[in-house]
């Protein structure tokens, strides 16, 4: 779990380890072939959709500077299977390595290590957090922050038993909006397709009913405290599945030259190719605003 405080808007730090669900093309339809570029492109799409960046030059995004923004970020590290201390330490070391050159140059991007805090906790169960975690996260409700956001990239469908607890906590305790990348079940999926998706989720150790249709997802956000008129679910499947499945195929071929076979690469690639072909599941950016912020 990561939270960030900033007095001058939202900035990004390029991650070393990429997210696996990524846009494969830029807005001007140029193909993206590298994970680091794709990861940054996905993050930029999310913060643009949230209205946290402004365009002040052609082709360049500028962060908001008039408001103080706090961000609580949920990552795969918060999900059931990845709560080891070693991963937490690795994340802290990667962040330190990314920020050190900037600090030597006078913190050119306006961030220091003190702007970030990492915690080993389960995002699906805020009630299980330690007093230290609660105290730090609850501090984001400070009225000094004109905006508060929960950000979740490619992890919410892993939360067990559901997304509800973190959504309710963010909306009702922090009065925080939500910006996320998630997978959405096609409302026109056949019974057999839906059963196949449920089974796939089970194999991936996700809750059985984790994949929701857009309407179900919207209703869940409303139930948790988000304003019905300020919820946006934007499909970006065209930018994700085709490029991802192709990338995984290339990785499988590259590894096979060294006698390395990873069955998971092949299986995952076929799953995303199926998603791309049938659109039984779509990739989406989700934005929800609380009633106070609407």
Protein backbone atom coordinates (compact mmCIF):
# COMPACT_ATOMS: atom_id res chain seq x y z
CA UNK A 1 0.00 0.00 0.00
CA UNK A 2 1.35 3.42 -0.87
CA UNK A 3 0.11 6.84 -0.03
CA UNK A 4 1.47 10.09 -1.34
CA UNK A 5 1.10 13.67 -0.22
CA UNK A 6 1.77 16.54 -2.56
CA UNK A 7 1.19 20.25 -2.39
CA UNK A 8 1.77 20.75 -6.10
CA UNK A 9 -0.32 18.13 -7.78
CA UNK A 10 0.32 14.64 -9.05
CA UNK A 11 3.61 13.44 -10.52
CA UNK A 12 4.61 10.03 -11.80
CA UNK A 13 7.66 7.86 -11.17
CA UNK A 14 8.39 5.33 -13.90
CA UNK A 15 8.17 1.84 -12.34
CA UNK A 16 10.80 -0.78 -12.93
CA UNK A 17 8.40 -3.68 -12.83
CA UNK A 18 5.58 -3.19 -15.35
CA UNK A 19 1.90 -3.70 -14.94
CA UNK A 20 0.65 -6.52 -17.16
CA UNK A 21 -2.52 -4.90 -18.53
CA UNK A 22 -1.35 -2.07 -20.72
CA UNK A 23 -2.49 0.13 -23.60
CA UNK A 24 -0.81 -1.08 -26.80
CA UNK A 25 -1.28 2.15 -28.76
CA UNK A 26 -0.92 5.84 -28.05
CA UNK A 27 -3.73 8.33 -28.53
CA UNK A 28 -2.40 9.11 -32.04
CA UNK A 29 -2.46 5.37 -32.86
CA UNK A 30 1.28 4.72 -32.64
CA UNK A 31 2.05 1.20 -31.45
CA UNK A 32 3.67 0.76 -28.03
CA UNK A 33 6.16 -2.09 -27.88
CA UNK A 34 7.86 -1.55 -24.51
CA UNK A 35 6.34 -2.22 -21.11
CA UNK A 36 7.78 0.88 -19.43
CA UNK A 37 6.27 3.14 -22.11
CA UNK A 38 2.96 1.29 -21.92
CA UNK A 39 2.85 1.46 -18.13
CA UNK A 40 3.38 5.19 -18.18
CA UNK A 41 0.76 5.56 -20.92
CA UNK A 42 -1.79 3.68 -18.82
CA UNK A 43 -1.07 5.83 -15.77
CA UNK A 44 -1.37 8.98 -17.86
CA UNK A 45 -4.72 7.81 -19.24
CA UNK A 46 -6.00 7.26 -15.71
CA UNK A 47 -4.89 10.61 -14.28
CA UNK A 48 -6.16 12.42 -17.38
CA UNK A 49 -9.56 10.77 -16.92
CA UNK A 50 -9.50 11.88 -13.27
CA UNK A 51 -8.81 15.47 -14.35
CA UNK A 52 -5.55 15.67 -12.42
CA UNK A 53 -3.39 16.88 -15.29
CA UNK A 54 -3.69 19.78 -17.67
CA UNK A 55 -2.40 20.13 -21.21
CA UNK A 56 -0.25 23.25 -21.42
CA UNK A 57 1.92 22.24 -24.38
CA UNK A 58 1.26 20.07 -27.43
CA UNK A 59 2.07 16.46 -26.58
CA UNK A 60 3.00 17.24 -22.97
CA UNK A 61 1.01 16.85 -19.79
CA UNK A 62 1.37 19.23 -16.88
CA UNK A 63 0.27 18.39 -13.35
CA UNK A 64 -2.22 20.54 -11.53
CA UNK A 65 -0.51 23.10 -9.33
CA UNK A 66 -3.41 24.96 -7.73
CA UNK A 67 -4.58 22.21 -5.41
CA UNK A 68 -3.13 19.91 -2.80
CA UNK A 69 -3.76 16.28 -3.71
CA UNK A 70 -3.44 13.14 -1.59
CA UNK A 71 -3.34 9.70 -3.21
CA UNK A 72 -3.85 6.31 -1.55
CA UNK A 73 -2.59 3.73 -4.02
CA UNK A 74 -3.63 0.08 -3.95
CA UNK A 75 -1.33 -2.33 -5.77
CA UNK A 76 -1.08 -6.09 -6.17
CA UNK A 77 1.01 -5.98 -3.00
CA UNK A 78 -2.18 -5.35 -1.05
CA UNK A 79 -3.86 -8.45 -2.38
CA UNK A 80 -4.03 -11.75 -0.63
CA UNK A 81 -1.06 -13.49 -2.13
CA UNK A 82 1.68 -10.89 -1.91
CA UNK A 83 2.04 -9.62 1.62
CA UNK A 84 5.65 -10.64 2.23
CA UNK A 85 8.02 -8.19 3.92
CA UNK A 86 10.62 -8.78 1.21
CA UNK A 87 8.37 -7.30 -1.46
CA UNK A 88 7.71 -4.25 0.69
CA UNK A 89 11.43 -3.70 1.14
CA UNK A 90 12.04 -4.14 -2.58
CA UNK A 91 9.42 -1.50 -3.38
CA UNK A 92 11.04 0.96 -0.98
CA UNK A 93 14.45 0.32 -2.52
CA UNK A 94 13.14 0.83 -6.05
CA UNK A 95 11.53 4.11 -5.06
CA UNK A 96 14.73 5.28 -3.39
CA UNK A 97 16.69 4.42 -6.51
CA UNK A 98 14.24 6.30 -8.71
CA UNK A 99 14.20 9.45 -6.58
CA UNK A 100 17.89 9.65 -5.65
CA UNK A 101 19.04 11.25 -8.93
CA UNK A 102 16.23 13.80 -8.70
CA UNK A 103 17.13 14.70 -5.12
CA UNK A 104 20.75 15.21 -6.15
CA UNK A 105 19.50 17.70 -8.74
CA UNK A 106 17.40 19.52 -6.19
CA UNK A 107 14.26 17.36 -6.37
CA UNK A 108 13.48 18.40 -9.91
CA UNK A 109 10.15 16.57 -10.01
CA UNK A 110 9.02 18.04 -6.70
CA UNK A 111 9.03 14.76 -4.78
CA UNK A 112 11.11 13.28 -2.01
CA UNK A 113 11.06 9.88 -0.34
CA UNK A 114 9.12 11.46 2.53
CA UNK A 115 6.20 12.03 0.15
CA UNK A 116 5.66 8.25 -0.02
CA UNK A 117 4.82 5.68 2.63
CA UNK A 118 4.60 1.93 2.03
CA UNK A 119 2.61 -0.49 4.15
CA UNK A 120 2.12 -4.23 4.14
CA UNK A 121 -1.64 -4.59 4.50
CA UNK A 122 -4.71 -6.14 2.89
CA UNK A 123 -6.69 -3.53 0.95
CA UNK A 124 -9.75 -5.77 0.91
CA UNK A 125 -9.99 -5.64 4.71
CA UNK A 126 -9.35 -2.16 6.16
CA UNK A 127 -10.57 -3.44 9.52
CA UNK A 128 -7.49 -5.70 9.63
CA UNK A 129 -5.01 -2.81 9.32
CA UNK A 130 -2.73 -2.07 12.25
CA UNK A 131 -3.10 1.14 14.25
CA UNK A 132 0.02 2.50 12.55
CA UNK A 133 -1.43 1.93 9.08
CA UNK A 134 -4.80 3.38 10.08
CA UNK A 135 -3.24 6.48 11.61
CA UNK A 136 -1.22 7.20 8.50
CA UNK A 137 -4.01 6.50 6.03
CA UNK A 138 -6.60 8.37 8.09
CA UNK A 139 -4.37 11.44 7.97
CA UNK A 140 -5.28 11.75 4.29
CA UNK A 141 -8.72 12.93 5.40
CA UNK A 142 -7.08 16.19 6.53
CA UNK A 143 -8.96 19.14 5.03
CA UNK A 144 -5.60 20.56 3.96
CA UNK A 145 -5.99 18.29 0.94
CA UNK A 146 -8.51 19.72 -1.47
CA UNK A 147 -8.66 16.39 -3.29
CA UNK A 148 -8.18 12.82 -2.13
CA UNK A 149 -7.99 9.82 -4.42
CA UNK A 150 -7.85 6.06 -4.19
CA UNK A 151 -5.81 4.77 -7.14
CA UNK A 152 -5.84 1.10 -8.09
CA UNK A 153 -4.16 -0.38 -11.14
CA UNK A 154 -4.90 -3.93 -12.20
CA UNK A 155 -5.54 -5.31 -8.73
CA UNK A 156 -9.14 -4.73 -7.64
CA UNK A 157 -10.47 -7.96 -9.12
CA UNK A 158 -8.07 -9.86 -6.85
CA UNK A 159 -9.51 -8.37 -3.65
CA UNK A 160 -11.31 -10.94 -1.54
CA UNK A 161 -14.14 -11.08 -0.69
CA UNK A 162 -14.81 -8.02 -2.91
CA UNK A 163 -13.95 -4.41 -3.74
CA UNK A 164 -16.69 -3.09 -1.46
CA UNK A 165 -14.67 -2.62 1.72
CA UNK A 166 -11.94 -0.49 0.16
CA UNK A 167 -14.49 1.53 -1.84
CA UNK A 168 -16.58 2.21 1.29
CA UNK A 169 -13.51 3.11 3.32
CA UNK A 170 -12.24 5.48 0.65
CA UNK A 171 -15.60 7.17 0.11
CA UNK A 172 -16.95 7.36 3.65
CA UNK A 173 -13.81 7.62 5.80
CA UNK A 174 -11.49 9.59 3.52
CA UNK A 175 -14.05 11.24 1.22
CA UNK A 176 -11.72 10.07 -1.54
CA UNK A 177 -12.57 9.76 -5.20
CA UNK A 178 -11.48 6.62 -7.03
CA UNK A 179 -9.46 6.18 -10.23
CA UNK A 180 -8.71 2.67 -11.36
CA UNK A 181 -7.91 0.26 -14.14
CA UNK A 182 -10.10 -2.83 -13.91
CA UNK A 183 -11.63 -5.66 -15.93
CA UNK A 184 -15.35 -5.49 -16.73
CA UNK A 185 -17.65 -8.36 -17.70
CA UNK A 186 -19.58 -7.85 -20.95
CA UNK A 187 -23.27 -7.51 -20.13
CA UNK A 188 -24.09 -9.40 -23.35
CA UNK A 189 -21.88 -12.38 -22.49
CA UNK A 190 -23.63 -15.71 -22.88
CA UNK A 191 -24.24 -17.97 -19.91
CA UNK A 192 -21.39 -20.24 -21.03
CA UNK A 193 -18.99 -17.34 -21.51
CA UNK A 194 -19.87 -16.00 -18.09
CA UNK A 195 -19.29 -19.42 -16.53
CA UNK A 196 -15.93 -19.64 -18.30
CA UNK A 197 -14.93 -16.24 -16.94
CA UNK A 198 -15.99 -17.24 -13.42
CA UNK A 199 -13.93 -20.42 -13.70
CA UNK A 200 -10.96 -18.46 -15.02
CA UNK A 201 -11.19 -16.09 -12.08
CA UNK A 202 -11.27 -19.05 -9.70
CA UNK A 203 -8.14 -20.51 -11.32
CA UNK A 204 -6.44 -17.13 -10.88
CA UNK A 205 -7.40 -17.19 -7.17
CA UNK A 206 -9.91 -14.37 -7.59
CA UNK A 207 -13.31 -14.32 -5.87
CA UNK A 208 -15.89 -16.25 -7.90
CA UNK A 209 -18.00 -13.19 -8.69
CA UNK A 210 -15.22 -10.66 -8.96
CA UNK A 211 -15.95 -9.76 -12.61
CA UNK A 212 -18.90 -7.37 -12.77
CA UNK A 213 -20.79 -5.83 -15.67
CA UNK A 214 -20.54 -2.07 -16.06
CA UNK A 215 -24.01 -1.66 -14.54
CA UNK A 216 -23.16 -3.90 -11.58
CA UNK A 217 -19.88 -2.06 -11.09
CA UNK A 218 -21.66 1.30 -11.18
CA UNK A 219 -24.26 0.13 -8.67
CA UNK A 220 -21.51 -1.10 -6.35
CA UNK A 221 -19.81 2.29 -6.44
CA UNK A 222 -23.13 4.03 -5.72
CA UNK A 223 -23.78 1.65 -2.80
CA UNK A 224 -20.35 2.47 -1.40
CA UNK A 225 -20.91 6.23 -1.44
CA UNK A 226 -20.03 7.52 -4.91
CA UNK A 227 -22.20 9.96 -6.83
CA UNK A 228 -24.27 8.26 -9.53
CA UNK A 229 -23.85 11.21 -11.90
CA UNK A 230 -20.06 11.29 -11.47
CA UNK A 231 -19.13 7.71 -12.32
CA UNK A 232 -17.35 6.98 -15.59
CA UNK A 233 -16.41 3.55 -16.93
CA UNK A 234 -14.34 4.03 -20.09
CA UNK A 235 -13.54 0.99 -22.23
CA UNK A 236 -9.93 0.86 -23.49
CA UNK A 237 -9.87 -2.76 -24.65
CA UNK A 238 -8.67 -1.77 -28.12
CA UNK A 239 -5.48 -0.45 -26.52
CA UNK A 240 -4.82 -3.47 -24.31
CA UNK A 241 -5.52 -7.08 -25.16
CA UNK A 242 -4.17 -7.43 -28.70
CA UNK A 243 -0.82 -5.87 -27.90
CA UNK A 244 -0.52 -7.75 -24.63
CA UNK A 245 -1.21 -11.18 -26.11
CA UNK A 246 1.26 -10.46 -28.91
CA UNK A 247 3.91 -9.38 -26.42
CA UNK A 248 3.50 -12.56 -24.40
CA UNK A 249 3.86 -14.67 -27.54
CA UNK A 250 7.11 -12.88 -28.35
CA UNK A 251 8.40 -13.49 -24.84
CA UNK A 252 7.57 -17.17 -25.09
CA UNK A 253 9.45 -17.46 -28.40
CA UNK A 254 12.44 -15.56 -27.03
CA UNK A 255 12.69 -17.80 -23.97
CA UNK A 256 12.29 -20.98 -26.01
CA UNK A 257 15.59 -20.22 -27.75
CA UNK A 258 17.30 -20.84 -24.43
CA UNK A 259 15.35 -23.99 -23.70
CA UNK A 260 13.09 -22.19 -21.23
CA UNK A 261 9.40 -22.96 -21.32
CA UNK A 262 6.91 -21.02 -19.23
CA UNK A 263 3.47 -22.52 -19.64
CA UNK A 264 1.98 -19.53 -17.86
CA UNK A 265 3.09 -17.19 -20.65
CA UNK A 266 1.35 -19.30 -23.28
CA UNK A 267 -1.83 -19.72 -21.25
CA UNK A 268 -2.04 -16.06 -20.29
CA UNK A 269 -1.44 -14.99 -23.87
CA UNK A 270 -4.28 -17.20 -25.08
CA UNK A 271 -6.59 -15.83 -22.39
CA UNK A 272 -5.98 -12.24 -23.49
CA UNK A 273 -6.31 -13.20 -27.15
CA UNK A 274 -9.73 -14.66 -26.22
CA UNK A 275 -10.66 -11.47 -24.39
CA UNK A 276 -9.65 -9.46 -27.45
CA UNK A 277 -11.56 -11.70 -29.86
CA UNK A 278 -14.79 -12.11 -27.87
CA UNK A 279 -14.72 -9.03 -25.61
CA UNK A 280 -16.41 -11.17 -22.98
CA UNK A 281 -14.22 -9.18 -20.59
CA UNK A 282 -13.18 -5.61 -21.29
CA UNK A 283 -10.39 -3.42 -19.99
CA UNK A 284 -11.63 -0.17 -18.49
CA UNK A 285 -10.64 2.99 -16.71
CA UNK A 286 -13.00 3.65 -13.82
CA UNK A 287 -13.53 7.09 -12.29
CA UNK A 288 -15.86 7.70 -9.35
CA UNK A 289 -16.34 10.89 -7.34
CA UNK A 290 -17.88 11.21 -3.91
CA UNK A 291 -21.05 13.23 -3.49
CA UNK A 292 -19.20 16.02 -1.69
CA UNK A 293 -16.67 16.37 -4.52
CA UNK A 294 -19.24 16.11 -7.32
